[in-house]
């Protein structure tokens, strides 16, 4: 667990630094070329990939029971996130305010947390 916390913490710290630098650079270079603005916009994806890498490495370290709990939690998160975002997309057709795609990941994360609580309760 200590290794995971170190890997995840380092990846999250890099993400925050790159995200802030990206936003500041985009504000400063508004007249830059499309390629430059695209590179600046997508630069936080690189440390975000390291976050994914940390999660996958942690999953590989788990025993069978904890892996099953994570599997059930992720299955719940996938289905619940799809249902929520799909439903809200229909709600936008009748006047609900548009929510940017940027909010999909927090919804998925929240559903993963809820799924973990449900799966852990099942195996206690």
N, C-alpha and C. Protein backbone atom coordinates (compact mmCIF):
# COMPACT_ATOMS: atom_id res chain seq x y z
N UNK A 1 0.83 -1.20 0.00
CA UNK A 1 0.00 0.00 0.00
C UNK A 1 0.87 1.25 0.00
N UNK A 2 2.00 1.18 0.68
CA UNK A 2 2.90 2.33 0.75
C UNK A 2 3.41 2.70 -0.64
N UNK A 3 3.74 1.69 -1.43
CA UNK A 3 4.22 1.93 -2.79
C UNK A 3 3.13 2.59 -3.63
N UNK A 4 1.91 2.09 -3.49
CA UNK A 4 0.78 2.67 -4.24
C UNK A 4 0.57 4.13 -3.86
N UNK A 5 0.59 4.42 -2.57
CA UNK A 5 0.38 5.81 -2.13
C UNK A 5 1.48 6.72 -2.66
N UNK A 6 2.70 6.23 -2.68
CA UNK A 6 3.80 7.02 -3.23
C UNK A 6 3.60 7.26 -4.73
N UNK A 7 3.29 6.19 -5.48
CA UNK A 7 3.10 6.32 -6.93
C UNK A 7 1.93 7.22 -7.25
N UNK A 8 0.80 7.01 -6.56
CA UNK A 8 -0.39 7.82 -6.81
C UNK A 8 -0.16 9.26 -6.39
N UNK A 9 0.46 9.47 -5.24
CA UNK A 9 0.73 10.84 -4.77
C UNK A 9 1.63 11.60 -5.73
N UNK A 10 2.68 10.93 -6.20
CA UNK A 10 3.60 11.58 -7.15
C UNK A 10 2.88 11.91 -8.46
N UNK A 11 2.07 10.97 -8.95
CA UNK A 11 1.34 11.20 -10.20
C UNK A 11 0.33 12.33 -10.03
N UNK A 12 -0.39 12.36 -8.91
CA UNK A 12 -1.36 13.44 -8.67
C UNK A 12 -0.67 14.79 -8.53
N UNK A 13 0.46 14.82 -7.84
CA UNK A 13 1.21 16.07 -7.69
C UNK A 13 1.67 16.59 -9.05
N UNK A 14 2.19 15.69 -9.89
CA UNK A 14 2.60 16.08 -11.24
C UNK A 14 1.40 16.58 -12.04
N UNK A 15 0.28 15.90 -11.91
CA UNK A 15 -0.93 16.31 -12.62
C UNK A 15 -1.33 17.73 -12.23
N UNK A 16 -1.34 18.02 -10.95
CA UNK A 16 -1.74 19.35 -10.48
C UNK A 16 -0.79 20.41 -11.02
N UNK A 17 0.50 20.14 -10.95
CA UNK A 17 1.49 21.11 -11.44
C UNK A 17 1.32 21.35 -12.94
N UNK A 18 1.20 20.27 -13.71
CA UNK A 18 1.07 20.41 -15.17
C UNK A 18 -0.27 21.07 -15.53
N UNK A 19 -1.33 20.74 -14.81
CA UNK A 19 -2.63 21.35 -15.08
C UNK A 19 -2.58 22.86 -14.85
N UNK A 20 -2.02 23.27 -13.73
CA UNK A 20 -1.92 24.72 -13.44
C UNK A 20 -1.05 25.40 -14.49
N UNK A 21 0.10 24.79 -14.80
CA UNK A 21 0.99 25.37 -15.82
C UNK A 21 0.28 25.45 -17.17
N UNK A 22 -0.49 24.44 -17.50
CA UNK A 22 -1.22 24.43 -18.77
C UNK A 22 -2.24 25.55 -18.84
N UNK A 23 -3.02 25.72 -17.78
CA UNK A 23 -4.04 26.77 -17.76
C UNK A 23 -3.39 28.15 -17.84
N UNK A 24 -2.32 28.35 -17.09
CA UNK A 24 -1.63 29.65 -17.12
C UNK A 24 -1.01 29.91 -18.49
N UNK A 25 -0.41 28.89 -19.07
CA UNK A 25 0.21 29.06 -20.39
C UNK A 25 -0.84 29.34 -21.46
N UNK A 26 -1.97 28.67 -21.39
CA UNK A 26 -3.04 28.93 -22.35
C UNK A 26 -3.55 30.36 -22.25
N UNK A 27 -3.63 30.87 -21.04
CA UNK A 27 -4.07 32.26 -20.86
C UNK A 27 -3.03 33.23 -21.42
N UNK A 28 -1.77 32.87 -21.30
CA UNK A 28 -0.69 33.74 -21.76
C UNK A 28 -0.48 33.66 -23.28
N UNK A 29 -0.69 32.50 -23.86
CA UNK A 29 -0.45 32.29 -25.29
C UNK A 29 -1.75 32.11 -26.06
N UNK A 30 -2.68 33.02 -25.90
CA UNK A 30 -3.97 32.91 -26.59
C UNK A 30 -3.84 33.05 -28.10
N UNK A 31 -2.82 33.73 -28.57
CA UNK A 31 -2.63 33.92 -30.00
C UNK A 31 -1.69 32.89 -30.62
N UNK A 32 -1.32 31.87 -29.87
CA UNK A 32 -0.41 30.85 -30.37
C UNK A 32 -1.11 30.00 -31.43
N UNK A 33 -0.32 29.21 -32.14
CA UNK A 33 -0.89 28.36 -33.18
C UNK A 33 -1.79 27.29 -32.57
N UNK A 34 -2.60 26.70 -33.41
CA UNK A 34 -3.50 25.64 -32.96
C UNK A 34 -2.71 24.46 -32.40
N UNK A 35 -1.59 24.14 -33.02
CA UNK A 35 -0.77 23.02 -32.55
C UNK A 35 -0.24 23.31 -31.15
N UNK A 36 0.23 24.53 -30.92
CA UNK A 36 0.75 24.90 -29.60
C UNK A 36 -0.35 24.86 -28.55
N UNK A 37 -1.51 25.42 -28.88
CA UNK A 37 -2.63 25.42 -27.92
C UNK A 37 -3.13 24.00 -27.65
N UNK A 38 -3.12 23.16 -28.69
CA UNK A 38 -3.52 21.77 -28.50
C UNK A 38 -2.54 21.05 -27.58
N UNK A 39 -1.25 21.25 -27.80
CA UNK A 39 -0.24 20.61 -26.95
C UNK A 39 -0.37 21.07 -25.51
N UNK A 40 -0.58 22.37 -25.31
CA UNK A 40 -0.76 22.89 -23.96
C UNK A 40 -2.02 22.34 -23.31
N UNK A 41 -3.08 22.25 -24.08
CA UNK A 41 -4.35 21.75 -23.55
C UNK A 41 -4.25 20.29 -23.15
N UNK A 42 -3.56 19.49 -23.94
CA UNK A 42 -3.47 18.06 -23.68
C UNK A 42 -2.32 17.66 -22.77
N UNK A 43 -1.46 18.59 -22.40
CA UNK A 43 -0.31 18.24 -21.57
C UNK A 43 -0.68 17.59 -20.23
N UNK A 44 -1.80 17.94 -19.57
CA UNK A 44 -2.14 17.23 -18.33
C UNK A 44 -2.50 15.76 -18.52
N UNK A 45 -2.71 15.34 -19.75
CA UNK A 45 -3.05 13.94 -20.01
C UNK A 45 -1.84 13.04 -19.69
N UNK A 46 -0.64 13.57 -19.86
CA UNK A 46 0.56 12.75 -19.61
C UNK A 46 0.64 12.33 -18.15
N UNK A 47 0.59 13.25 -17.18
CA UNK A 47 0.59 12.78 -15.79
C UNK A 47 -0.68 12.01 -15.42
N UNK A 48 -1.79 12.29 -16.09
CA UNK A 48 -3.02 11.51 -15.85
C UNK A 48 -2.80 10.05 -16.24
N UNK A 49 -2.00 9.82 -17.27
CA UNK A 49 -1.68 8.45 -17.67
C UNK A 49 -0.89 7.74 -16.57
N UNK A 50 -0.05 8.48 -15.85
CA UNK A 50 0.69 7.89 -14.73
C UNK A 50 -0.25 7.55 -13.57
N UNK A 51 -1.34 8.29 -13.44
CA UNK A 51 -2.36 7.95 -12.43
C UNK A 51 -2.97 6.60 -12.80
N UNK A 52 -3.31 6.42 -14.07
CA UNK A 52 -3.85 5.13 -14.53
C UNK A 52 -2.83 4.02 -14.29
N UNK A 53 -1.58 4.29 -14.57
CA UNK A 53 -0.53 3.30 -14.39
C UNK A 53 -0.44 2.89 -12.91
N UNK A 54 -0.54 3.86 -12.00
CA UNK A 54 -0.48 3.55 -10.56
C UNK A 54 -1.66 2.67 -10.15
N UNK A 55 -2.84 2.95 -10.67
CA UNK A 55 -4.02 2.15 -10.34
C UNK A 55 -3.85 0.72 -10.85
N UNK A 56 -3.41 0.57 -12.09
CA UNK A 56 -3.23 -0.77 -12.67
C UNK A 56 -2.17 -1.55 -11.89
N UNK A 57 -1.08 -0.89 -11.53
CA UNK A 57 -0.03 -1.56 -10.75
C UNK A 57 -0.57 -2.02 -9.40
N UNK A 58 -1.39 -1.19 -8.77
CA UNK A 58 -1.97 -1.57 -7.49
C UNK A 58 -2.91 -2.76 -7.65
N UNK A 59 -3.71 -2.76 -8.71
CA UNK A 59 -4.61 -3.89 -8.95
C UNK A 59 -3.82 -5.19 -9.14
N UNK A 60 -2.67 -5.11 -9.78
CA UNK A 60 -1.85 -6.30 -9.98
C UNK A 60 -1.26 -6.84 -8.69
N UNK A 61 -1.13 -5.98 -7.68
CA UNK A 61 -0.56 -6.39 -6.40
C UNK A 61 -1.60 -7.04 -5.47
N UNK A 62 -2.87 -6.91 -5.79
CA UNK A 62 -3.91 -7.37 -4.87
C UNK A 62 -4.07 -8.89 -4.89
N UNK A 63 -4.52 -9.43 -3.75
CA UNK A 63 -4.85 -10.85 -3.71
C UNK A 63 -6.22 -11.06 -4.38
N UNK A 64 -6.64 -12.31 -4.47
CA UNK A 64 -7.86 -12.63 -5.21
C UNK A 64 -9.11 -11.97 -4.63
N UNK A 65 -9.23 -11.93 -3.31
CA UNK A 65 -10.42 -11.36 -2.69
C UNK A 65 -10.51 -9.86 -2.94
N UNK A 66 -9.40 -9.16 -2.73
CA UNK A 66 -9.41 -7.72 -2.95
C UNK A 66 -9.57 -7.38 -4.43
N UNK A 67 -9.03 -8.22 -5.27
CA UNK A 67 -9.20 -8.02 -6.71
C UNK A 67 -10.67 -8.19 -7.10
N UNK A 68 -11.34 -9.16 -6.51
CA UNK A 68 -12.76 -9.37 -6.79
C UNK A 68 -13.58 -8.17 -6.31
N UNK A 69 -13.25 -7.64 -5.14
CA UNK A 69 -13.94 -6.46 -4.63
C UNK A 69 -13.77 -5.29 -5.59
N UNK A 70 -12.54 -5.07 -6.05
CA UNK A 70 -12.28 -3.99 -7.00
C UNK A 70 -13.02 -4.22 -8.32
N UNK A 71 -13.04 -5.46 -8.76
CA UNK A 71 -13.73 -5.80 -10.01
C UNK A 71 -15.22 -5.47 -9.90
N UNK A 72 -15.83 -5.87 -8.81
CA UNK A 72 -17.25 -5.57 -8.61
C UNK A 72 -17.48 -4.07 -8.51
N UNK A 73 -16.59 -3.36 -7.82
CA UNK A 73 -16.73 -1.91 -7.67
C UNK A 73 -16.59 -1.22 -9.02
N UNK A 74 -15.64 -1.65 -9.83
CA UNK A 74 -15.45 -1.04 -11.14
C UNK A 74 -16.60 -1.39 -12.08
N UNK A 75 -17.13 -2.60 -11.97
CA UNK A 75 -18.31 -2.95 -12.77
C UNK A 75 -19.49 -2.08 -12.41
N UNK A 76 -19.70 -1.87 -11.12
CA UNK A 76 -20.77 -0.99 -10.67
C UNK A 76 -20.52 0.43 -11.18
N UNK A 77 -19.27 0.91 -11.04
CA UNK A 77 -18.94 2.27 -11.47
C UNK A 77 -19.18 2.46 -12.96
N UNK A 78 -18.80 1.48 -13.75
CA UNK A 78 -19.00 1.56 -15.19
C UNK A 78 -20.49 1.68 -15.52
N UNK A 79 -21.28 0.76 -14.98
CA UNK A 79 -22.71 0.74 -15.29
C UNK A 79 -23.43 1.98 -14.75
N UNK A 80 -23.14 2.36 -13.51
CA UNK A 80 -23.82 3.50 -12.90
C UNK A 80 -23.42 4.81 -13.59
N UNK A 81 -22.14 4.96 -13.94
CA UNK A 81 -21.69 6.17 -14.63
C UNK A 81 -22.34 6.26 -16.01
N UNK A 82 -22.40 5.14 -16.71
CA UNK A 82 -23.04 5.14 -18.02
C UNK A 82 -24.51 5.52 -17.89
N UNK A 83 -25.19 4.95 -16.92
CA UNK A 83 -26.61 5.23 -16.71
C UNK A 83 -26.83 6.70 -16.36
N UNK A 84 -26.02 7.24 -15.45
CA UNK A 84 -26.18 8.64 -15.05
C UNK A 84 -25.90 9.61 -16.20
N UNK A 85 -24.78 9.41 -16.90
CA UNK A 85 -24.43 10.34 -17.97
C UNK A 85 -25.39 10.22 -19.14
N UNK A 86 -25.80 9.01 -19.46
CA UNK A 86 -26.76 8.78 -20.53
C UNK A 86 -28.10 9.44 -20.20
N UNK A 87 -28.54 9.25 -18.98
CA UNK A 87 -29.81 9.86 -18.55
C UNK A 87 -29.74 11.38 -18.57
N UNK A 88 -28.62 11.92 -18.08
CA UNK A 88 -28.51 13.38 -18.08
C UNK A 88 -28.45 13.93 -19.50
N UNK A 89 -27.84 13.18 -20.41
CA UNK A 89 -27.83 13.61 -21.81
C UNK A 89 -29.24 13.78 -22.35
N UNK A 90 -30.14 12.86 -21.99
CA UNK A 90 -31.53 13.01 -22.38
C UNK A 90 -32.18 14.22 -21.70
N UNK A 91 -31.82 14.47 -20.46
CA UNK A 91 -32.37 15.61 -19.73
C UNK A 91 -31.97 16.94 -20.39
N UNK A 92 -30.79 16.98 -20.98
CA UNK A 92 -30.37 18.19 -21.69
C UNK A 92 -31.29 18.48 -22.87
N UNK A 93 -31.90 17.45 -23.44
CA UNK A 93 -32.83 17.64 -24.56
C UNK A 93 -34.09 18.40 -24.15
N UNK A 94 -34.41 18.38 -22.86
CA UNK A 94 -35.61 19.08 -22.41
C UNK A 94 -35.27 20.32 -21.58
N UNK A 95 -34.04 20.79 -21.70
CA UNK A 95 -33.70 22.06 -21.09
C UNK A 95 -32.77 22.03 -19.89
N UNK A 96 -32.35 20.86 -19.43
CA UNK A 96 -31.39 20.82 -18.33
C UNK A 96 -30.09 21.48 -18.81
N UNK A 97 -29.40 22.19 -17.93
CA UNK A 97 -28.18 22.88 -18.36
C UNK A 97 -27.10 21.88 -18.81
N UNK A 98 -26.34 22.30 -19.81
CA UNK A 98 -25.26 21.46 -20.32
C UNK A 98 -24.16 21.34 -19.28
N UNK A 99 -23.69 20.11 -19.07
CA UNK A 99 -22.56 19.87 -18.17
C UNK A 99 -21.39 19.42 -19.03
N UNK A 100 -20.22 20.05 -18.88
CA UNK A 100 -19.05 19.67 -19.70
C UNK A 100 -18.62 18.22 -19.43
N UNK A 101 -17.99 17.63 -20.42
CA UNK A 101 -17.48 16.27 -20.31
C UNK A 101 -16.46 16.13 -19.20
N UNK A 102 -15.88 17.22 -18.79
CA UNK A 102 -14.89 17.21 -17.73
C UNK A 102 -15.44 16.60 -16.45
N UNK A 103 -16.75 16.58 -16.29
CA UNK A 103 -17.38 16.07 -15.07
C UNK A 103 -17.61 14.56 -15.11
N UNK A 104 -17.34 13.92 -16.23
CA UNK A 104 -17.57 12.47 -16.32
C UNK A 104 -16.63 11.72 -15.38
N UNK A 105 -15.35 12.08 -15.35
CA UNK A 105 -14.41 11.37 -14.50
C UNK A 105 -14.78 11.48 -13.02
N UNK A 106 -15.12 12.66 -12.48
CA UNK A 106 -15.55 12.69 -11.08
C UNK A 106 -16.77 11.82 -10.80
N UNK A 107 -17.70 11.75 -11.75
CA UNK A 107 -18.86 10.87 -11.58
C UNK A 107 -18.39 9.41 -11.51
N UNK A 108 -17.47 9.04 -12.41
CA UNK A 108 -16.95 7.68 -12.40
C UNK A 108 -16.23 7.38 -11.08
N UNK A 109 -15.43 8.33 -10.61
CA UNK A 109 -14.72 8.15 -9.35
C UNK A 109 -15.68 7.98 -8.17
N UNK A 110 -16.71 8.80 -8.14
CA UNK A 110 -17.71 8.70 -7.07
C UNK A 110 -18.43 7.36 -7.14
N UNK A 111 -18.77 6.91 -8.33
CA UNK A 111 -19.44 5.62 -8.46
C UNK A 111 -18.51 4.47 -8.06
N UNK A 112 -17.21 4.62 -8.30
CA UNK A 112 -16.23 3.60 -7.88
C UNK A 112 -16.20 3.53 -6.36
N UNK A 113 -16.20 4.69 -5.71
CA UNK A 113 -16.21 4.72 -4.24
C UNK A 113 -17.47 4.06 -3.70
N UNK A 114 -18.61 4.39 -4.28
CA UNK A 114 -19.87 3.78 -3.83
C UNK A 114 -19.83 2.27 -4.09
N UNK A 115 -19.33 1.88 -5.25
CA UNK A 115 -19.21 0.45 -5.58
C UNK A 115 -18.30 -0.28 -4.61
N UNK A 116 -17.20 0.38 -4.20
CA UNK A 116 -16.30 -0.24 -3.22
C UNK A 116 -17.00 -0.46 -1.89
N UNK A 117 -17.75 0.53 -1.45
CA UNK A 117 -18.47 0.39 -0.17
C UNK A 117 -19.46 -0.77 -0.25
N UNK A 118 -20.19 -0.87 -1.35
CA UNK A 118 -21.15 -1.96 -1.51
C UNK A 118 -20.46 -3.32 -1.56
N UNK A 119 -19.39 -3.43 -2.34
CA UNK A 119 -18.69 -4.70 -2.48
C UNK A 119 -18.00 -5.12 -1.18
N UNK A 120 -17.42 -4.17 -0.48
CA UNK A 120 -16.78 -4.50 0.81
C UNK A 120 -17.80 -4.99 1.81
N UNK A 121 -18.96 -4.37 1.82
CA UNK A 121 -20.02 -4.79 2.75
C UNK A 121 -20.44 -6.23 2.46
N UNK A 122 -20.46 -6.57 1.18
CA UNK A 122 -20.89 -7.91 0.79
C UNK A 122 -19.93 -8.99 1.32
N UNK A 123 -18.64 -8.67 1.37
CA UNK A 123 -17.64 -9.67 1.76
C UNK A 123 -17.18 -9.56 3.21
N UNK A 124 -17.85 -8.76 4.02
CA UNK A 124 -17.46 -8.66 5.43
C UNK A 124 -18.10 -9.74 6.24
